[in-house]
Amino acid sequence: MNFSRAMVLAPHIDDGEFGCGGTIARLLAEGTEVYYVAFSAAEKSVPSGYPRDILRKEVKEACAVLGIPQDHLLIRDFPVRDFPARRQELLDELIRLRDALQPQLVLLPSAIFVHQEHATVAAEGLRTFKMRTILAYEMPWNNLTFTTTCFFPLEEEHIMSKVRALKAYRSQADRAYASEDFIRSLARTRGTQIGVSYAEAFEVVRWIV
């Protein structure tokens, strides 16, 4: 199925690239219009030595690498650690985005996340987009469980775009899962499951044919 418009929901800046950066690159290459929505710039969590707005700058660079137009990058200002308490505000914003952009495909975090903010975006995203195709992306360091029920085969160019996009996040470079080795290894593992070189896996939350 070809999607004319997709929306990536990232609780924090960089979650979208980690969870589905290769798929974003593939969708864009196939002509899909992709919107990237980050709900927090995680300013409370920026490592020492970096300016508070560093992630805002880095995500612009990362999206440019992937090919997402700057006006399709939407950054909201929900404070980290406060998502559950602001569930209604988040839902209201999601409804505004749905009505304004009308995506056919929504990529969001898995609901089985140990991170409370990912779980909140997943729950409110399902509530908002229940009449759209929804796929939940994988982040093994935060997934309690993950069921691989959908795969996007990827080419080397898609993986390279993901790697290059994540390298834009210099403030996050010390995380083990930000390394090119890890990114490629996970993509090879998912590719092996379906007999291709690389893939990203998703949980099917809702599929509308």
N, C-alpha and C. Protein backbone atom coordinates (compact mmCIF):
# COMPACT_ATOMS: atom_id res chain seq x y z
N MET A 1 0.84 -1.20 0.00
CA MET A 1 0.00 0.00 0.00
C MET A 1 0.88 1.25 0.00
N ASN A 2 0.55 2.23 -0.82
CA ASN A 2 1.27 3.48 -0.84
C ASN A 2 0.54 4.51 0.02
N PHE A 3 1.30 5.20 0.86
CA PHE A 3 0.74 6.23 1.73
C PHE A 3 1.12 7.59 1.18
N SER A 4 0.15 8.47 1.02
CA SER A 4 0.47 9.80 0.51
C SER A 4 1.02 10.70 1.61
N ARG A 5 0.60 10.48 2.87
CA ARG A 5 1.07 11.31 3.98
C ARG A 5 1.22 10.47 5.24
N ALA A 6 2.36 10.62 5.89
CA ALA A 6 2.63 9.90 7.14
C ALA A 6 3.01 10.90 8.22
N MET A 7 2.75 10.51 9.46
CA MET A 7 3.12 11.34 10.60
C MET A 7 3.89 10.50 11.61
N VAL A 8 5.03 11.00 12.03
CA VAL A 8 5.86 10.34 13.04
C VAL A 8 5.66 11.08 14.35
N LEU A 9 5.26 10.36 15.40
CA LEU A 9 5.07 10.95 16.72
C LEU A 9 6.26 10.57 17.60
N ALA A 10 7.02 11.58 18.01
CA ALA A 10 8.21 11.36 18.83
C ALA A 10 8.00 12.03 20.18
N PRO A 11 7.92 11.27 21.26
CA PRO A 11 7.76 11.91 22.57
C PRO A 11 8.84 12.96 22.82
N HIS A 12 10.08 12.60 22.48
CA HIS A 12 11.21 13.51 22.63
C HIS A 12 11.93 13.62 21.29
N ILE A 13 12.56 14.76 21.07
CA ILE A 13 13.39 14.90 19.90
C ILE A 13 14.40 13.75 19.86
N ASP A 14 14.52 13.11 18.74
CA ASP A 14 15.41 11.99 18.36
C ASP A 14 14.73 10.63 18.44
N ASP A 15 13.59 10.50 19.13
CA ASP A 15 12.92 9.20 19.23
C ASP A 15 12.50 8.69 17.85
N GLY A 16 12.04 9.59 17.00
CA GLY A 16 11.58 9.17 15.68
C GLY A 16 12.71 8.58 14.84
N GLU A 17 13.88 9.21 14.89
CA GLU A 17 15.01 8.69 14.12
C GLU A 17 15.46 7.34 14.66
N PHE A 18 15.55 7.22 15.99
CA PHE A 18 15.95 5.94 16.57
C PHE A 18 14.94 4.84 16.22
N GLY A 19 13.66 5.15 16.34
CA GLY A 19 12.64 4.13 16.16
C GLY A 19 12.36 3.75 14.73
N CYS A 20 12.42 4.74 13.81
CA CYS A 20 12.01 4.43 12.44
C CYS A 20 12.70 5.31 11.41
N GLY A 21 13.94 5.70 11.68
CA GLY A 21 14.66 6.58 10.76
C GLY A 21 14.83 6.00 9.37
N GLY A 22 15.11 4.70 9.29
CA GLY A 22 15.26 4.07 7.98
C GLY A 22 13.95 4.05 7.21
N THR A 23 12.86 3.80 7.90
CA THR A 23 11.55 3.78 7.26
C THR A 23 11.16 5.19 6.81
N ILE A 24 11.49 6.19 7.60
CA ILE A 24 11.24 7.57 7.17
C ILE A 24 11.96 7.84 5.85
N ALA A 25 13.23 7.45 5.78
CA ALA A 25 14.01 7.66 4.55
C ALA A 25 13.37 6.93 3.38
N ARG A 26 12.91 5.70 3.60
CA ARG A 26 12.28 4.95 2.52
C ARG A 26 10.97 5.60 2.09
N LEU A 27 10.13 5.99 3.04
CA LEU A 27 8.86 6.62 2.70
C LEU A 27 9.08 7.89 1.87
N LEU A 28 10.04 8.69 2.28
CA LEU A 28 10.32 9.92 1.54
C LEU A 28 10.80 9.61 0.13
N ALA A 29 11.66 8.59 -0.01
CA ALA A 29 12.16 8.21 -1.32
C ALA A 29 11.04 7.73 -2.24
N GLU A 30 9.99 7.17 -1.64
CA GLU A 30 8.85 6.67 -2.42
C GLU A 30 7.80 7.73 -2.68
N GLY A 31 8.05 8.95 -2.21
CA GLY A 31 7.14 10.04 -2.50
C GLY A 31 6.11 10.34 -1.42
N THR A 32 6.22 9.69 -0.27
CA THR A 32 5.30 9.96 0.84
C THR A 32 5.68 11.29 1.50
N GLU A 33 4.70 12.09 1.80
CA GLU A 33 4.90 13.32 2.55
C GLU A 33 4.97 12.95 4.03
N VAL A 34 6.07 13.29 4.69
CA VAL A 34 6.28 12.89 6.09
C VAL A 34 6.33 14.12 6.98
N TYR A 35 5.51 14.09 8.04
CA TYR A 35 5.57 15.10 9.09
C TYR A 35 6.17 14.46 10.34
N TYR A 36 7.03 15.21 11.00
CA TYR A 36 7.70 14.73 12.22
C TYR A 36 7.26 15.64 13.36
N VAL A 37 6.62 15.05 14.36
CA VAL A 37 6.13 15.82 15.51
C VAL A 37 6.89 15.38 16.76
N ALA A 38 7.65 16.30 17.34
CA ALA A 38 8.36 16.04 18.60
C ALA A 38 7.67 16.82 19.71
N PHE A 39 7.28 16.14 20.76
CA PHE A 39 6.49 16.78 21.81
C PHE A 39 7.33 17.47 22.88
N SER A 40 8.63 17.17 22.94
CA SER A 40 9.48 17.82 23.93
C SER A 40 10.91 17.89 23.42
N ALA A 41 11.55 19.03 23.68
CA ALA A 41 12.98 19.19 23.38
C ALA A 41 13.84 18.73 24.55
N ALA A 42 13.20 18.16 25.57
CA ALA A 42 13.90 17.53 26.71
C ALA A 42 14.96 18.45 27.31
N GLU A 43 14.62 19.71 27.48
CA GLU A 43 15.62 20.66 27.93
C GLU A 43 16.11 20.37 29.36
N LYS A 44 15.27 19.74 30.16
CA LYS A 44 15.69 19.37 31.52
C LYS A 44 16.75 18.27 31.51
N SER A 45 16.81 17.53 30.41
CA SER A 45 17.67 16.36 30.35
C SER A 45 18.91 16.54 29.48
N VAL A 46 19.14 17.73 29.00
CA VAL A 46 20.31 17.98 28.15
C VAL A 46 21.59 17.76 28.96
N PRO A 47 22.56 17.01 28.43
CA PRO A 47 23.80 16.79 29.18
C PRO A 47 24.52 18.10 29.49
N SER A 48 25.25 18.11 30.59
CA SER A 48 25.98 19.32 30.97
C SER A 48 27.01 19.66 29.90
N GLY A 49 27.21 20.94 29.73
CA GLY A 49 28.16 21.39 28.72
C GLY A 49 27.53 21.76 27.40
N TYR A 50 26.24 21.47 27.24
CA TYR A 50 25.53 21.80 26.02
C TYR A 50 24.48 22.88 26.31
N PRO A 51 24.19 23.75 25.34
CA PRO A 51 23.11 24.72 25.54
C PRO A 51 21.77 24.03 25.65
N ARG A 52 20.84 24.65 26.35
CA ARG A 52 19.53 24.02 26.61
C ARG A 52 18.78 23.70 25.33
N ASP A 53 19.00 24.48 24.29
CA ASP A 53 18.26 24.28 23.06
C ASP A 53 19.00 23.41 22.04
N ILE A 54 20.01 22.69 22.46
CA ILE A 54 20.85 21.93 21.53
C ILE A 54 20.04 20.92 20.72
N LEU A 55 19.08 20.26 21.36
CA LEU A 55 18.31 19.24 20.64
C LEU A 55 17.43 19.85 19.55
N ARG A 56 16.97 21.07 19.75
CA ARG A 56 16.20 21.75 18.71
C ARG A 56 17.06 21.96 17.46
N LYS A 57 18.32 22.31 17.68
CA LYS A 57 19.23 22.51 16.56
C LYS A 57 19.58 21.18 15.90
N GLU A 58 19.81 20.18 16.73
CA GLU A 58 20.21 18.88 16.19
C GLU A 58 19.10 18.21 15.40
N VAL A 59 17.85 18.35 15.84
CA VAL A 59 16.77 17.69 15.11
C VAL A 59 16.57 18.33 13.74
N LYS A 60 16.82 19.62 13.62
CA LYS A 60 16.71 20.27 12.31
C LYS A 60 17.75 19.69 11.35
N GLU A 61 18.94 19.48 11.86
CA GLU A 61 20.00 18.89 11.03
C GLU A 61 19.65 17.45 10.66
N ALA A 62 19.14 16.69 11.64
CA ALA A 62 18.80 15.29 11.39
C ALA A 62 17.68 15.17 10.36
N CYS A 63 16.66 16.02 10.49
CA CYS A 63 15.55 15.97 9.53
C CYS A 63 16.01 16.36 8.14
N ALA A 64 16.93 17.31 8.04
CA ALA A 64 17.47 17.69 6.74
C ALA A 64 18.21 16.51 6.10
N VAL A 65 18.93 15.75 6.90
CA VAL A 65 19.63 14.56 6.38
C VAL A 65 18.62 13.56 5.83
N LEU A 66 17.53 13.33 6.56
CA LEU A 66 16.53 12.37 6.12
C LEU A 66 15.74 12.88 4.91
N GLY A 67 15.66 14.19 4.77
CA GLY A 67 14.90 14.76 3.67
C GLY A 67 13.54 15.31 4.07
N ILE A 68 13.31 15.45 5.38
CA ILE A 68 12.05 16.02 5.85
C ILE A 68 12.13 17.54 5.73
N PRO A 69 11.21 18.17 5.02
CA PRO A 69 11.25 19.63 4.92
C PRO A 69 11.13 20.29 6.30
N GLN A 70 11.79 21.42 6.47
CA GLN A 70 11.78 22.08 7.77
C GLN A 70 10.37 22.46 8.22
N ASP A 71 9.48 22.78 7.27
CA ASP A 71 8.12 23.13 7.69
C ASP A 71 7.27 21.91 8.01
N HIS A 72 7.85 20.71 7.84
CA HIS A 72 7.17 19.48 8.26
C HIS A 72 7.70 18.98 9.60
N LEU A 73 8.63 19.70 10.19
CA LEU A 73 9.14 19.40 11.53
C LEU A 73 8.40 20.30 12.51
N LEU A 74 7.66 19.67 13.42
CA LEU A 74 6.83 20.39 14.38
C LEU A 74 7.29 20.06 15.79
N ILE A 75 7.80 21.04 16.50
CA ILE A 75 8.32 20.82 17.85
C ILE A 75 7.39 21.49 18.85
N ARG A 76 6.90 20.71 19.80
CA ARG A 76 6.04 21.22 20.85
C ARG A 76 6.83 21.33 22.16
N ASP A 77 6.25 21.97 23.16
CA ASP A 77 7.00 22.34 24.37
C ASP A 77 6.48 21.66 25.64
N PHE A 78 6.11 20.39 25.54
CA PHE A 78 5.71 19.66 26.74
C PHE A 78 6.95 19.35 27.56
N PRO A 79 6.97 19.72 28.85
CA PRO A 79 8.15 19.44 29.67
C PRO A 79 8.32 17.94 29.91
N VAL A 80 9.55 17.49 29.90
CA VAL A 80 9.80 16.08 30.21
C VAL A 80 9.35 15.80 31.64
N ARG A 81 8.92 14.57 31.84
CA ARG A 81 8.43 14.03 33.12
C ARG A 81 7.01 14.47 33.45
N ASP A 82 6.42 15.36 32.64
CA ASP A 82 5.09 15.87 32.94
C ASP A 82 4.01 15.34 31.99
N PHE A 83 4.36 14.47 31.06
CA PHE A 83 3.38 14.04 30.06
C PHE A 83 2.12 13.43 30.69
N PRO A 84 2.24 12.50 31.64
CA PRO A 84 1.02 11.91 32.19
C PRO A 84 0.08 12.95 32.80
N ALA A 85 0.64 13.95 33.45
CA ALA A 85 -0.19 14.99 34.07
C ALA A 85 -0.82 15.91 33.03
N ARG A 86 -0.25 15.92 31.83
CA ARG A 86 -0.76 16.80 30.77
C ARG A 86 -1.39 16.00 29.63
N ARG A 87 -1.91 14.86 29.99
CA ARG A 87 -2.49 13.94 29.01
C ARG A 87 -3.57 14.63 28.15
N GLN A 88 -4.43 15.41 28.78
CA GLN A 88 -5.51 16.04 28.02
C GLN A 88 -4.97 17.09 27.05
N GLU A 89 -3.97 17.86 27.49
CA GLU A 89 -3.36 18.85 26.59
C GLU A 89 -2.72 18.15 25.39
N LEU A 90 -2.06 17.04 25.66
CA LEU A 90 -1.41 16.29 24.59
C LEU A 90 -2.44 15.74 23.61
N LEU A 91 -3.54 15.21 24.15
CA LEU A 91 -4.61 14.71 23.29
C LEU A 91 -5.19 15.84 22.44
N ASP A 92 -5.43 16.99 23.03
CA ASP A 92 -5.97 18.12 22.28
C ASP A 92 -5.04 18.51 21.14
N GLU A 93 -3.74 18.49 21.40
CA GLU A 93 -2.77 18.84 20.35
C GLU A 93 -2.76 17.79 19.24
N LEU A 94 -2.85 16.53 19.61
CA LEU A 94 -2.90 15.47 18.61
C LEU A 94 -4.14 15.59 17.73
N ILE A 95 -5.25 15.92 18.33
CA ILE A 95 -6.48 16.10 17.55
C ILE A 95 -6.34 17.25 16.57
N ARG A 96 -5.71 18.35 17.01
CA ARG A 96 -5.48 19.48 16.10
C ARG A 96 -4.61 19.06 14.92
N LEU A 97 -3.56 18.29 15.21
CA LEU A 97 -2.66 17.83 14.16
C LEU A 97 -3.38 16.88 13.20
N ARG A 98 -4.17 15.99 13.75
CA ARG A 98 -4.93 15.06 12.91
C ARG A 98 -5.84 15.80 11.95
N ASP A 99 -6.58 16.75 12.49
CA ASP A 99 -7.56 17.47 11.68
C ASP A 99 -6.88 18.35 10.63
N ALA A 100 -5.73 18.92 10.98
CA ALA A 100 -5.04 19.81 10.06
C ALA A 100 -4.29 19.05 8.96
N LEU A 101 -3.71 17.90 9.29
CA LEU A 101 -2.81 17.22 8.37
C LEU A 101 -3.37 15.95 7.74
N GLN A 102 -4.31 15.31 8.41
CA GLN A 102 -4.99 14.13 7.86
C GLN A 102 -4.02 13.05 7.35
N PRO A 103 -3.12 12.56 8.20
CA PRO A 103 -2.19 11.51 7.75
C PRO A 103 -2.91 10.18 7.53
N GLN A 104 -2.41 9.40 6.59
CA GLN A 104 -2.93 8.04 6.37
C GLN A 104 -2.22 7.03 7.26
N LEU A 105 -0.94 7.28 7.52
CA LEU A 105 -0.10 6.39 8.32
C LEU A 105 0.47 7.16 9.49
N VAL A 106 0.37 6.56 10.69
CA VAL A 106 0.93 7.16 11.90
C VAL A 106 1.93 6.19 12.50
N LEU A 107 3.14 6.66 12.74
CA LEU A 107 4.20 5.87 13.38
C LEU A 107 4.41 6.45 14.77
N LEU A 108 4.23 5.61 15.80
CA LEU A 108 4.32 6.09 17.18
C LEU A 108 5.00 5.05 18.05
N PRO A 109 5.33 5.40 19.29
CA PRO A 109 6.00 4.43 20.17
C PRO A 109 5.10 3.26 20.50
N SER A 110 5.73 2.15 20.83
CA SER A 110 4.98 1.00 21.32
C SER A 110 4.34 1.34 22.66
N ALA A 111 3.16 0.78 22.89
CA ALA A 111 2.47 1.03 24.17
C ALA A 111 3.16 0.33 25.34
N ILE A 112 3.92 -0.72 25.04
CA ILE A 112 4.58 -1.50 26.11
C ILE A 112 5.97 -0.92 26.34
N PHE A 113 6.02 0.32 26.77
CA PHE A 113 7.26 1.03 27.04
C PHE A 113 7.40 1.22 28.54
N VAL A 114 8.62 1.10 29.03
CA VAL A 114 8.84 1.37 30.45
C VAL A 114 8.94 2.87 30.71
N HIS A 115 9.07 3.66 29.66
CA HIS A 115 9.17 5.11 29.79
C HIS A 115 7.75 5.70 29.78
N GLN A 116 7.39 6.43 30.83
CA GLN A 116 6.02 6.89 30.99
C GLN A 116 5.59 7.86 29.89
N GLU A 117 6.52 8.63 29.35
CA GLU A 117 6.15 9.60 28.32
C GLU A 117 5.91 8.93 26.98
N HIS A 118 6.66 7.89 26.68
CA HIS A 118 6.40 7.11 25.47
C HIS A 118 5.03 6.43 25.57
N ALA A 119 4.75 5.88 26.73
CA ALA A 119 3.46 5.20 26.92
C ALA A 119 2.30 6.19 26.80
N THR A 120 2.48 7.41 27.28
CA THR A 120 1.42 8.41 27.19
C THR A 120 1.16 8.80 25.73
N VAL A 121 2.22 9.04 24.97
CA VAL A 121 2.05 9.38 23.55
C VAL A 121 1.41 8.22 22.80
N ALA A 122 1.81 6.99 23.13
CA ALA A 122 1.22 5.82 22.47
C ALA A 122 -0.28 5.73 22.75
N ALA A 123 -0.67 5.91 24.00
CA ALA A 123 -2.08 5.79 24.36
C ALA A 123 -2.92 6.90 23.73
N GLU A 124 -2.44 8.13 23.80
CA GLU A 124 -3.22 9.24 23.24
C GLU A 124 -3.17 9.23 21.71
N GLY A 125 -2.08 8.73 21.16
CA GLY A 125 -2.00 8.59 19.72
C GLY A 125 -3.02 7.60 19.18
N LEU A 126 -3.17 6.48 19.86
CA LEU A 126 -4.17 5.50 19.46
C LEU A 126 -5.58 6.08 19.58
N ARG A 127 -5.83 6.80 20.65
CA ARG A 127 -7.14 7.40 20.85
C ARG A 127 -7.45 8.40 19.71
N THR A 128 -6.45 9.14 19.31
CA THR A 128 -6.64 10.17 18.29
C THR A 128 -6.76 9.60 16.88
N PHE A 129 -5.90 8.62 16.56
CA PHE A 129 -5.78 8.15 15.18
C PHE A 129 -6.37 6.76 14.97
N LYS A 130 -7.37 6.41 15.76
CA LYS A 130 -7.91 5.06 15.69
C LYS A 130 -8.53 4.73 14.34
N MET A 131 -8.79 5.73 13.52
CA MET A 131 -9.34 5.49 12.19
C MET A 131 -8.28 5.62 11.10
N ARG A 132 -7.02 5.51 11.50
CA ARG A 132 -5.89 5.53 10.57
C ARG A 132 -5.07 4.26 10.76
N THR A 133 -4.22 3.97 9.80
CA THR A 133 -3.25 2.90 9.98
C THR A 133 -2.19 3.37 10.98
N ILE A 134 -1.97 2.55 12.01
CA ILE A 134 -1.01 2.90 13.07
C ILE A 134 0.00 1.77 13.22
N LEU A 135 1.27 2.13 13.18
CA LEU A 135 2.35 1.18 13.44
C LEU A 135 3.19 1.71 14.60
N ALA A 136 3.54 0.83 15.53
CA ALA A 136 4.36 1.21 16.67
C ALA A 136 5.80 0.82 16.42
N TYR A 137 6.70 1.77 16.62
CA TYR A 137 8.12 1.51 16.34
C TYR A 137 8.84 0.94 17.55
N GLU A 138 10.01 0.40 17.25
CA GLU A 138 10.80 -0.37 18.22
C GLU A 138 11.95 0.46 18.79
N MET A 139 12.12 0.39 20.11
CA MET A 139 13.29 0.96 20.78
C MET A 139 13.67 -0.02 21.89
N PRO A 140 14.54 -0.99 21.59
CA PRO A 140 14.76 -2.12 22.51
C PRO A 140 15.17 -1.74 23.92
N TRP A 141 15.84 -0.61 24.08
CA TRP A 141 16.28 -0.22 25.42
C TRP A 141 15.12 0.27 26.28
N ASN A 142 13.97 0.52 25.68
CA ASN A 142 12.80 0.96 26.43
C ASN A 142 11.60 0.03 26.31
N ASN A 143 11.64 -0.92 25.38
CA ASN A 143 10.51 -1.83 25.21
C ASN A 143 10.53 -2.93 26.25
N LEU A 144 9.42 -3.09 26.97
CA LEU A 144 9.30 -4.22 27.89
C LEU A 144 9.14 -5.50 27.09
N THR A 145 8.26 -5.48 26.09
CA THR A 145 8.12 -6.54 25.10
C THR A 145 7.87 -5.87 23.75
N PHE A 146 8.06 -6.62 22.67
CA PHE A 146 7.82 -6.06 21.34
C PHE A 146 7.50 -7.21 20.39
N THR A 147 6.38 -7.10 19.69
CA THR A 147 5.94 -8.13 18.75
C THR A 147 6.20 -7.65 17.33
N THR A 148 7.01 -8.37 16.59
CA THR A 148 7.41 -7.95 15.24
C THR A 148 6.37 -8.44 14.24
N THR A 149 5.31 -7.67 14.05
CA THR A 149 4.21 -8.08 13.18
C THR A 149 4.19 -7.34 11.85
N CYS A 150 5.13 -6.40 11.66
CA CYS A 150 5.22 -5.68 10.39
C CYS A 150 6.68 -5.33 10.14
N PHE A 151 7.11 -5.44 8.90
CA PHE A 151 8.50 -5.14 8.54
C PHE A 151 8.54 -4.21 7.34
N PHE A 152 9.45 -3.25 7.39
CA PHE A 152 9.76 -2.43 6.22
C PHE A 152 11.16 -2.81 5.76
N PRO A 153 11.30 -3.55 4.65
CA PRO A 153 12.63 -3.84 4.11
C PRO A 153 13.33 -2.52 3.73
N LEU A 154 14.62 -2.45 4.00
CA LEU A 154 15.38 -1.24 3.76
C LEU A 154 16.62 -1.53 2.93
N GLU A 155 17.04 -0.55 2.16
CA GLU A 155 18.28 -0.64 1.39
C GLU A 155 19.40 0.06 2.16
N GLU A 156 20.61 -0.16 1.70
CA GLU A 156 21.77 0.47 2.32
C GLU A 156 21.60 1.99 2.41
N GLU A 157 21.05 2.60 1.39
CA GLU A 157 20.88 4.06 1.40
C GLU A 157 19.96 4.51 2.53
N HIS A 158 18.95 3.71 2.85
CA HIS A 158 18.03 4.08 3.94
C HIS A 158 18.73 3.97 5.29
N ILE A 159 19.50 2.90 5.48
CA ILE A 159 20.23 2.73 6.73
C ILE A 159 21.28 3.82 6.88
N MET A 160 21.96 4.16 5.78
CA MET A 160 22.97 5.21 5.85
C MET A 160 22.35 6.54 6.20
N SER A 161 21.16 6.83 5.70
CA SER A 161 20.46 8.06 6.05
C SER A 161 20.15 8.08 7.55
N LYS A 162 19.70 6.95 8.09
CA LYS A 162 19.41 6.86 9.52
C LYS A 162 20.68 7.09 10.34
N VAL A 163 21.76 6.44 9.95
CA VAL A 163 23.03 6.59 10.67
C VAL A 163 23.48 8.05 10.65
N ARG A 164 23.44 8.66 9.48
CA ARG A 164 23.88 10.06 9.35
C ARG A 164 22.97 11.01 10.13
N ALA A 165 21.67 10.73 10.12
CA ALA A 165 20.74 11.58 10.87
C ALA A 165 21.04 11.50 12.37
N LEU A 166 21.29 10.30 12.87
CA LEU A 166 21.55 10.14 14.30
C LEU A 166 22.91 10.73 14.70
N LYS A 167 23.84 10.78 13.76
CA LYS A 167 25.13 11.42 14.06
C LYS A 167 24.98 12.92 14.27
N ALA A 168 23.86 13.48 13.80
CA ALA A 168 23.61 14.90 14.05
C ALA A 168 23.39 15.18 15.53
N TYR A 169 23.01 14.15 16.28
CA TYR A 169 22.75 14.32 17.72
C TYR A 169 24.05 14.14 18.50
N ARG A 170 24.92 15.12 18.38
CA ARG A 170 26.21 15.01 19.07
C ARG A 170 26.04 15.02 20.58
N SER A 171 24.98 15.63 21.08
CA SER A 171 24.75 15.66 22.53
C SER A 171 24.33 14.30 23.07
N GLN A 172 23.95 13.38 22.19
CA GLN A 172 23.49 12.05 22.62
C GLN A 172 24.46 10.94 22.21
N ALA A 173 25.63 11.32 21.72
CA ALA A 173 26.54 10.36 21.10
C ALA A 173 27.08 9.30 22.06
N ASP A 174 27.03 9.56 23.37
CA ASP A 174 27.60 8.61 24.32
C ASP A 174 26.67 7.43 24.62
N ARG A 175 25.46 7.46 24.08
CA ARG A 175 24.53 6.36 24.32
C ARG A 175 24.92 5.16 23.45
N ALA A 176 24.95 3.98 24.04
CA ALA A 176 25.40 2.78 23.31
C ALA A 176 24.54 2.52 22.08
N TYR A 177 23.25 2.78 22.19
CA TYR A 177 22.36 2.49 21.07
C TYR A 177 22.42 3.55 19.97
N ALA A 178 23.25 4.59 20.15
CA ALA A 178 23.43 5.59 19.10
C ALA A 178 24.56 5.22 18.15
N SER A 179 25.27 4.14 18.43
CA SER A 179 26.41 3.77 17.59
C SER A 179 25.95 3.16 16.27
N GLU A 180 26.75 3.35 15.24
CA GLU A 180 26.42 2.78 13.94
C GLU A 180 26.37 1.25 14.02
N ASP A 181 27.25 0.66 14.82
CA ASP A 181 27.24 -0.81 14.97
C ASP A 181 25.90 -1.31 15.47
N PHE A 182 25.37 -0.65 16.50
CA PHE A 182 24.08 -1.09 17.03
C PHE A 182 22.96 -0.90 16.02
N ILE A 183 22.93 0.27 15.38
CA ILE A 183 21.87 0.56 14.41
C ILE A 183 21.87 -0.47 13.30
N ARG A 184 23.04 -0.77 12.76
CA ARG A 184 23.14 -1.75 11.68
C ARG A 184 22.81 -3.16 12.16
N SER A 185 23.26 -3.50 13.36
CA SER A 185 23.01 -4.85 13.88
C SER A 185 21.52 -5.12 14.05
N LEU A 186 20.81 -4.15 14.61
CA LEU A 186 19.36 -4.33 14.78
C LEU A 186 18.67 -4.43 13.43
N ALA A 187 19.08 -3.60 12.49
CA ALA A 187 18.48 -3.64 11.15
C ALA A 187 18.79 -4.97 10.45
N ARG A 188 19.99 -5.49 10.65
CA ARG A 188 20.33 -6.80 10.07
C ARG A 188 19.50 -7.90 10.71
N THR A 189 19.33 -7.81 12.03
CA THR A 189 18.52 -8.82 12.72
C THR A 189 17.10 -8.84 12.17
N ARG A 190 16.50 -7.67 12.04
CA ARG A 190 15.13 -7.61 11.52
C ARG A 190 15.09 -8.01 10.05
N GLY A 191 16.12 -7.67 9.31
CA GLY A 191 16.18 -8.11 7.92
C GLY A 191 16.28 -9.61 7.80
N THR A 192 17.08 -10.22 8.66
CA THR A 192 17.25 -11.68 8.64
C THR A 192 15.92 -12.40 8.87
N GLN A 193 15.06 -11.80 9.68
CA GLN A 193 13.77 -12.43 9.95
C GLN A 193 12.88 -12.55 8.71
N ILE A 194 13.13 -11.67 7.72
CA ILE A 194 12.29 -11.71 6.51
C ILE A 194 13.10 -11.95 5.24
N GLY A 195 14.38 -12.32 5.40
CA GLY A 195 15.17 -12.71 4.24
C GLY A 195 15.70 -11.57 3.40
N VAL A 196 15.94 -10.41 4.02
CA VAL A 196 16.54 -9.29 3.29
C VAL A 196 17.74 -8.79 4.11
N SER A 197 18.47 -7.85 3.52
CA SER A 197 19.68 -7.37 4.20
C SER A 197 19.37 -6.54 5.43
N TYR A 198 18.41 -5.64 5.30
CA TYR A 198 18.06 -4.74 6.40
C TYR A 198 16.54 -4.56 6.47
N ALA A 199 16.06 -4.26 7.68
CA ALA A 199 14.64 -3.93 7.85
C ALA A 199 14.46 -3.22 9.18
N GLU A 200 13.34 -2.53 9.32
CA GLU A 200 12.86 -2.07 10.62
C GLU A 200 11.54 -2.77 10.89
N ALA A 201 11.35 -3.14 12.16
CA ALA A 201 10.15 -3.88 12.54
C ALA A 201 9.20 -2.97 13.32
N PHE A 202 7.92 -3.29 13.20
CA PHE A 202 6.87 -2.53 13.87
C PHE A 202 5.83 -3.49 14.43
N GLU A 203 5.09 -3.01 15.42
CA GLU A 203 3.88 -3.69 15.87
C GLU A 203 2.70 -3.09 15.13
N VAL A 204 1.85 -3.94 14.57
CA VAL A 204 0.64 -3.44 13.93
C VAL A 204 -0.38 -3.12 15.03
N VAL A 205 -0.67 -1.85 15.19
CA VAL A 205 -1.69 -1.42 16.15
C VAL A 205 -3.05 -1.40 15.45
N ARG A 206 -3.06 -0.83 14.24
CA ARG A 206 -4.27 -0.83 13.41
C ARG A 206 -3.84 -0.73 11.96
N TRP A 207 -4.43 -1.59 11.12
CA TRP A 207 -4.09 -1.60 9.69
C TRP A 207 -5.38 -1.45 8.89
N ILE A 208 -5.46 -0.38 8.12
CA ILE A 208 -6.64 -0.12 7.30
C ILE A 208 -6.25 -0.31 5.85
N VAL A 209 -6.86 -1.26 5.19
CA VAL A 209 -6.54 -1.59 3.80
C VAL A 209 -7.44 -0.78 2.87
